[in-house]
C-alpha atoms as a PDB file:
ATOM      1  CA  MET A   1      44.814 -29.800-132.918  1.00  0.00           C
ATOM      2  CA  LYS A   2      41.662 -28.099-131.516  1.00  0.00           C
ATOM      3  CA  LEU A   3      43.747 -25.264-130.211  1.00  0.00           C
ATOM      4  CA  VAL A   4      45.263 -24.786-133.666  1.00  0.00           C
ATOM      5  CA  ALA A   5      41.743 -24.694-135.118  1.00  0.00           C
ATOM      6  CA  THR A   6      40.515 -22.314-132.532  1.00  0.00           C
ATOM      7  CA  ASN A   7      43.500 -19.917-133.209  1.00  0.00           C
ATOM      8  CA  LEU A   8      42.744 -20.144-136.989  1.00  0.00           C
ATOM      9  CA  ILE A   9      39.189 -19.066-136.387  1.00  0.00           C
ATOM     10  CA  ALA A  10      40.155 -16.380-133.935  1.00  0.00           C
ATOM     11  CA  ASN A  11      42.514 -14.950-136.622  1.00  0.00           C
ATOM     12  CA  ASP A  12      39.915 -14.620-139.309  1.00  0.00           C
ATOM     13  CA  HIS A  13      40.412 -18.008-140.963  1.00  0.00           C
ATOM     14  CA  LEU A  14      36.964 -19.446-140.093  1.00  0.00           C
ATOM     15  CA  LEU A  15      36.773 -22.000-142.943  1.00  0.00           C
ATOM     16  CA  GLU A  16      40.203 -23.401-142.423  1.00  0.00           C
ATOM     17  CA  GLY A  17      39.610 -23.730-138.620  1.00  0.00           C
ATOM     18  CA  CYS A  18      36.291 -25.448-139.261  1.00  0.00           C
ATOM     19  CA  GLN A  19      37.936 -27.836-141.719  1.00  0.00           C
ATOM     20  CA  LEU A  20      40.470 -28.754-139.223  1.00  0.00           C
ATOM     21  CA  LEU A  21      37.802 -29.255-136.568  1.00  0.00           C
ATOM     22  CA  CYS A  22      36.002 -31.573-138.966  1.00  0.00           C
ATOM     23  CA  LEU A  23      39.191 -33.534-139.557  1.00  0.00           C
ATOM     24  CA  ILE A  24      39.558 -34.180-135.850  1.00  0.00           C
ATOM     25  CA  GLY A  25      35.980 -35.223-135.406  1.00  0.00           C
ATOM     26  CA  LYS A  26      34.613 -31.875-134.006  1.00  0.00           C
ATOM     27  CA  ALA A  27      31.988 -31.133-136.616  1.00  0.00           C
ATOM     28  CA  MET A  28      29.607 -29.804-133.990  1.00  0.00           C
ATOM     29  CA  ASP A  29      32.158 -27.276-132.793  1.00  0.00           C
ATOM     30  CA  ALA A  30      32.645 -26.261-136.361  1.00  0.00           C
ATOM     31  CA  CYS A  31      28.974 -25.660-136.775  1.00  0.00           C
ATOM     32  CA  LYS A  32      28.843 -23.547-133.667  1.00  0.00           C
ATOM     33  CA  ASN A  33      31.729 -21.536-134.894  1.00  0.00           C
ATOM     34  CA  MET A  34      30.104 -20.974-138.307  1.00  0.00           C
ATOM     35  CA  GLN A  35      26.886 -19.931-136.565  1.00  0.00           C
ATOM     36  CA  ASN A  36      28.696 -17.475-134.291  1.00  0.00           C
ATOM     37  CA  PHE A  37      30.122 -15.816-137.382  1.00  0.00           C
ATOM     38  CA  SER A  38      26.729 -15.800-139.149  1.00  0.00           C
ATOM     39  CA  HIS A  39      27.588 -18.506-141.625  1.00  0.00           C
ATOM     40  CA  PHE A  40      24.292 -20.213-141.214  1.00  0.00           C
ATOM     41  CA  ASN A  41      24.012 -21.887-144.602  1.00  0.00           C
ATOM     42  CA  GLU A  42      27.429 -23.468-144.300  1.00  0.00           C
ATOM     43  CA  ALA A  43      26.599 -24.547-140.734  1.00  0.00           C
ATOM     44  CA  MET A  44      23.361 -26.185-141.944  1.00  0.00           C
ATOM     45  CA  TRP A  45      25.090 -27.996-144.765  1.00  0.00           C
ATOM     46  CA  LEU A  46      27.815 -29.272-142.520  1.00  0.00           C
ATOM     47  CA  ALA A  47      25.305 -30.355-139.921  1.00  0.00           C
ATOM     48  CA  LYS A  48      23.267 -32.240-142.422  1.00  0.00           C
ATOM     49  CA  VAL A  49      26.188 -34.210-143.898  1.00  0.00           C
ATOM     50  CA  SER A  50      28.229 -34.784-140.733  1.00  0.00           C
ATOM     51  CA  LEU A  51      26.167 -34.829-137.526  1.00  0.00           C
ATOM     52  CA  LYS A  52      23.883 -37.228-135.861  1.00  0.00           C
ATOM     53  CA  GLU A  53      20.250 -36.367-135.921  1.00  0.00           C
ATOM     54  CA  GLU A  54      20.205 -34.960-132.366  1.00  0.00           C
ATOM     55  CA  GLU A  55      23.140 -32.676-133.019  1.00  0.00           C
ATOM     56  CA  TYR A  56      21.716 -31.641-136.482  1.00  0.00           C
ATOM     57  CA  SER A  57      18.368 -30.687-134.778  1.00  0.00           C
ATOM     58  CA  GLU A  58      20.313 -28.571-132.289  1.00  0.00           C
ATOM     59  CA  VAL A  59      22.008 -26.676-135.116  1.00  0.00           C
ATOM     60  CA  MET A  60      18.659 -26.244-136.928  1.00  0.00           C
ATOM     61  CA  ARG A  61      16.898 -25.032-133.666  1.00  0.00           C
ATOM     62  CA  TYR A  62      19.511 -22.292-133.363  1.00  0.00           C
ATOM     63  CA  TYR A  63      18.895 -21.357-136.905  1.00  0.00           C
ATOM     64  CA  VAL A  64      15.114 -21.115-136.369  1.00  0.00           C
ATOM     65  CA  GLU A  65      15.713 -18.745-133.462  1.00  0.00           C
ATOM     66  CA  GLN A  66      18.202 -16.725-135.625  1.00  0.00           C
ATOM     67  CA  LEU A  67      15.575 -16.333-138.334  1.00  0.00           C
ATOM     68  CA  VAL A  68      13.047 -15.113-135.714  1.00  0.00           C
ATOM     69  CA  THR A  69      15.497 -12.614-134.347  1.00  0.00           C
ATOM     70  CA  SER A  70      16.350 -11.372-137.789  1.00  0.00           C
ATOM     71  CA  GLY A  71      12.715 -10.891-138.684  1.00  0.00           C
ATOM     72  CA  ALA A  72      12.337 -13.734-141.145  1.00  0.00           C
ATOM     73  CA  ARG A  73       9.502 -15.305-139.204  1.00  0.00           C
ATOM     74  CA  HIS A  74       7.787 -16.892-142.169  1.00  0.00           C
ATOM     75  CA  ASN A  75      11.041 -18.771-142.926  1.00  0.00           C
ATOM     76  CA  ALA A  76      11.394 -19.727-139.236  1.00  0.00           C
ATOM     77  CA  VAL A  77       7.853 -21.129-139.249  1.00  0.00           C
ATOM     78  CA  MET A  78       8.576 -23.228-142.411  1.00  0.00           C
ATOM     79  CA  LEU A  79      11.819 -24.532-140.971  1.00  0.00           C
ATOM     80  CA  ALA A  80      10.263 -25.329-137.570  1.00  0.00           C
ATOM     81  CA  VAL A  81       7.504 -27.306-139.266  1.00  0.00           C
ATOM     82  CA  SER A  82       9.945 -29.129-141.462  1.00  0.00           C
ATOM     83  CA  LEU A  83      11.778 -30.215-138.228  1.00  0.00           C
ATOM     84  CA  GLN A  84       8.555 -31.235-136.563  1.00  0.00           C
ATOM     85  CA  MET A  85       8.882 -28.359-133.963  1.00  0.00           C
ATOM     86  CA  TYR A  86       5.178 -27.725-134.239  1.00  0.00           C
ATOM     87  CA  ASP A  87       4.840 -26.002-130.892  1.00  0.00           C
ATOM     88  CA  ARG A  88       7.605 -23.540-131.871  1.00  0.00           C
ATOM     89  CA  ALA A  89       6.063 -22.819-135.245  1.00  0.00           C
ATOM     90  CA  ALA A  90       2.609 -22.087-133.603  1.00  0.00           C
ATOM     91  CA  ASP A  91       4.415 -19.906-130.993  1.00  0.00           C
ATOM     92  CA  ILE A  92       6.166 -17.854-133.686  1.00  0.00           C
ATOM     93  CA  LEU A  93       2.823 -17.543-135.628  1.00  0.00           C
ATOM     94  CA  LEU A  94       1.004 -16.336-132.477  1.00  0.00           C
ATOM     95  CA  SER A  95       3.703 -13.821-131.609  1.00  0.00           C
ATOM     96  CA  SER A  96       3.371 -12.564-135.206  1.00  0.00           C
ATOM     97  CA  LYS A  97      -0.413 -12.082-134.746  1.00  0.00           C
ATOM     98  CA  LEU A  98      -1.184 -14.807-137.296  1.00  0.00           C
ATOM     99  CA  VAL A  99      -3.674 -16.825-135.278  1.00  0.00           C
ATOM    100  CA  THR A 100      -5.651 -17.683-138.425  1.00  0.00           C
ATOM    101  CA  ILE A 101      -2.724 -19.721-139.608  1.00  0.00           C
ATOM    102  CA  ALA A 102      -1.619 -21.036-136.180  1.00  0.00           C
ATOM    103  CA  ALA A 103      -4.982 -22.550-135.288  1.00  0.00           C
ATOM    104  CA  PRO A 104      -5.309 -24.681-138.350  1.00  0.00           C
ATOM    105  CA  LEU A 105      -1.653 -25.763-137.962  1.00  0.00           C
ATOM    106  CA  VAL A 106      -2.198 -26.814-134.331  1.00  0.00           C
ATOM    107  CA  GLU A 107      -5.590 -28.508-135.140  1.00  0.00           C
ATOM    108  CA  ALA A 108      -4.048 -30.538-138.017  1.00  0.00           C
ATOM    109  CA  VAL A 109      -1.007 -31.544-136.056  1.00  0.00           C
ATOM    110  CA  GLU A 110      -3.111 -32.519-133.071  1.00  0.00           C
ATOM    111  CA  GLU A 111      -5.463 -34.628-135.270  1.00  0.00           C
ATOM    112  CA  ALA A 112      -2.381 -36.375-136.635  1.00  0.00           C
ATOM    113  CA  GLY A 113      -1.384 -37.222-133.151  1.00  0.00           C
ATOM    114  CA  LYS A 114       1.983 -35.358-133.536  1.00  0.00           C
ATOM    115  CA  TRP A 115       1.389 -32.511-131.021  1.00  0.00           C
ATOM    116  CA  PRO A 116       4.013 -32.622-128.287  1.00  0.00           C
ATOM    117  CA  SER A 117       2.678 -33.288-124.754  1.00  0.00           C
ATOM    118  CA  THR A 118       5.078 -31.075-122.832  1.00  0.00           C
ATOM    119  CA  PRO A 119       3.525 -28.521-120.573  1.00  0.00           C
ATOM    120  CA  ASP A 120       4.911 -25.596-122.708  1.00  0.00           C
ATOM    121  CA  ALA A 121       3.472 -27.146-125.915  1.00  0.00           C
ATOM    122  CA  LEU A 122       0.077 -27.763-124.350  1.00  0.00           C
ATOM    123  CA  ALA A 123       0.067 -24.131-123.141  1.00  0.00           C
ATOM    124  CA  ILE A 124       0.833 -22.969-126.721  1.00  0.00           C
ATOM    125  CA  ARG A 125      -2.024 -25.179-128.035  1.00  0.00           C
ATOM    126  CA  ASP A 126      -4.519 -23.698-125.571  1.00  0.00           C
ATOM    127  CA  ALA A 127      -3.467 -20.220-126.154  1.00  0.00           C
ATOM    128  CA  THR A 128      -3.795 -20.720-129.816  1.00  0.00           C
ATOM    129  CA  PHE A 129      -7.301 -21.949-129.524  1.00  0.00           C
ATOM    130  CA  VAL A 130      -8.331 -19.280-127.052  1.00  0.00           C
ATOM    131  CA  GLN A 131      -7.003 -16.520-129.410  1.00  0.00           C
ATOM    132  CA  TYR A 132      -8.596 -18.138-132.349  1.00  0.00           C
ATOM    133  CA  ALA A 133     -11.936 -18.187-130.432  1.00  0.00           C
ATOM    134  CA  GLN A 134     -11.650 -14.510-129.670  1.00  0.00           C
ATOM    135  CA  TYR A 135     -10.961 -13.891-133.392  1.00  0.00           C
ATOM    136  CA  LEU A 136     -14.118 -15.879-134.265  1.00  0.00           C
ATOM    137  CA  VAL A 137     -16.132 -13.738-131.752  1.00  0.00           C
ATOM    138  CA  GLY A 138     -14.916 -10.644-133.515  1.00  0.00           C
ATOM    139  CA  LEU A 139     -16.404 -12.154-136.679  1.00  0.00           C
ATOM    140  CA  ASP A 140     -19.704 -12.767-134.912  1.00  0.00           C
ATOM    141  CA  ASN A 141     -19.225 -16.539-135.316  1.00  0.00           C
ATOM    142  CA  LEU A 142     -20.224 -17.634-131.836  1.00  0.00           C
ATOM    143  CA  PRO A 143     -20.793 -21.355-132.552  1.00  0.00           C
ATOM    144  CA  ALA A 144     -17.303 -21.650-133.908  1.00  0.00           C
ATOM    145  CA  ALA A 145     -15.832 -19.629-131.072  1.00  0.00           C
ATOM    146  CA  LEU A 146     -17.463 -21.948-128.578  1.00  0.00           C
ATOM    147  CA  PHE A 147     -16.074 -24.985-130.450  1.00  0.00           C
ATOM    148  CA  TYR A 148     -12.497 -23.581-130.053  1.00  0.00           C
ATOM    149  CA  CYS A 149     -13.120 -22.547-126.481  1.00  0.00           C
ATOM    150  CA  GLU A 150     -13.709 -26.176-125.662  1.00  0.00           C
ATOM    151  CA  LYS A 151     -10.319 -27.043-127.092  1.00  0.00           C
ATOM    152  CA  GLY A 152      -8.586 -24.100-125.222  1.00  0.00           C
ATOM    153  CA  GLY A 153      -8.112 -25.692-121.726  1.00  0.00           C
ATOM    154  CA  GLU A 154      -8.940 -23.749-118.621  1.00  0.00           C
ATOM    155  CA  LYS A 155      -8.820 -20.302-120.332  1.00  0.00           C
ATOM    156  CA  GLY A 156     -10.912 -21.524-123.074  1.00  0.00           C
ATOM    157  CA  ALA A 157     -13.582 -22.878-120.593  1.00  0.00           C
ATOM    158  CA  THR A 158     -13.606 -19.501-118.877  1.00  0.00           C
ATOM    159  CA  LEU A 159     -14.085 -17.630-122.185  1.00  0.00           C
ATOM    160  CA  GLY A 160     -16.746 -20.152-123.314  1.00  0.00           C
ATOM    161  CA  ALA A 161     -18.664 -19.598-120.041  1.00  0.00           C
ATOM    162  CA  GLU A 162     -18.473 -15.867-120.632  1.00  0.00           C
ATOM    163  CA  LEU A 163     -19.633 -16.060-124.174  1.00  0.00           C
ATOM    164  CA  LYS A 164     -22.567 -18.303-123.175  1.00  0.00           C
ATOM    165  CA  LEU A 165     -23.517 -15.707-120.502  1.00  0.00           C
ATOM    166  CA  CYS A 166     -23.334 -12.899-122.977  1.00  0.00           C
ATOM    167  CA  GLN A 167     -25.448 -15.005-125.441  1.00  0.00           C
ATOM    168  CA  SER A 168     -28.298 -15.582-122.956  1.00  0.00           C
END
């Protein structure tokens, strides 16, 4: 049956092939095929109603990346936040030069105790605070910059030390 569904999809009958995949319990395969053919809304709906949370999250993570690639970064950030992918949301904001939005997001999520503790997430957190401190230096707000340097890990500590030297 899966072979028949694959042939339907290959012969330009995407929806029929995906319906067949769903009938035989291969909804995740159907979602992947829909995504491959840029039917993201249909893939999201199917994922929401038929997949377990882990598989649903996988489909949605792919969609976040697709939104970033297509230039819809604001939508990608909103979707990432709704999926509790806070580190990815902050990373998208930083790469979009929106540190003034990324820093309060990271700070709020961290205060709520929801910031991931993976090395990559911690690196994004530190980079966010360091970039925000640099932004604040540009505004001549040294006390606030030093505050965020303290939150920015090793690079933040280095920047903070340099700022204190310049202040003296």
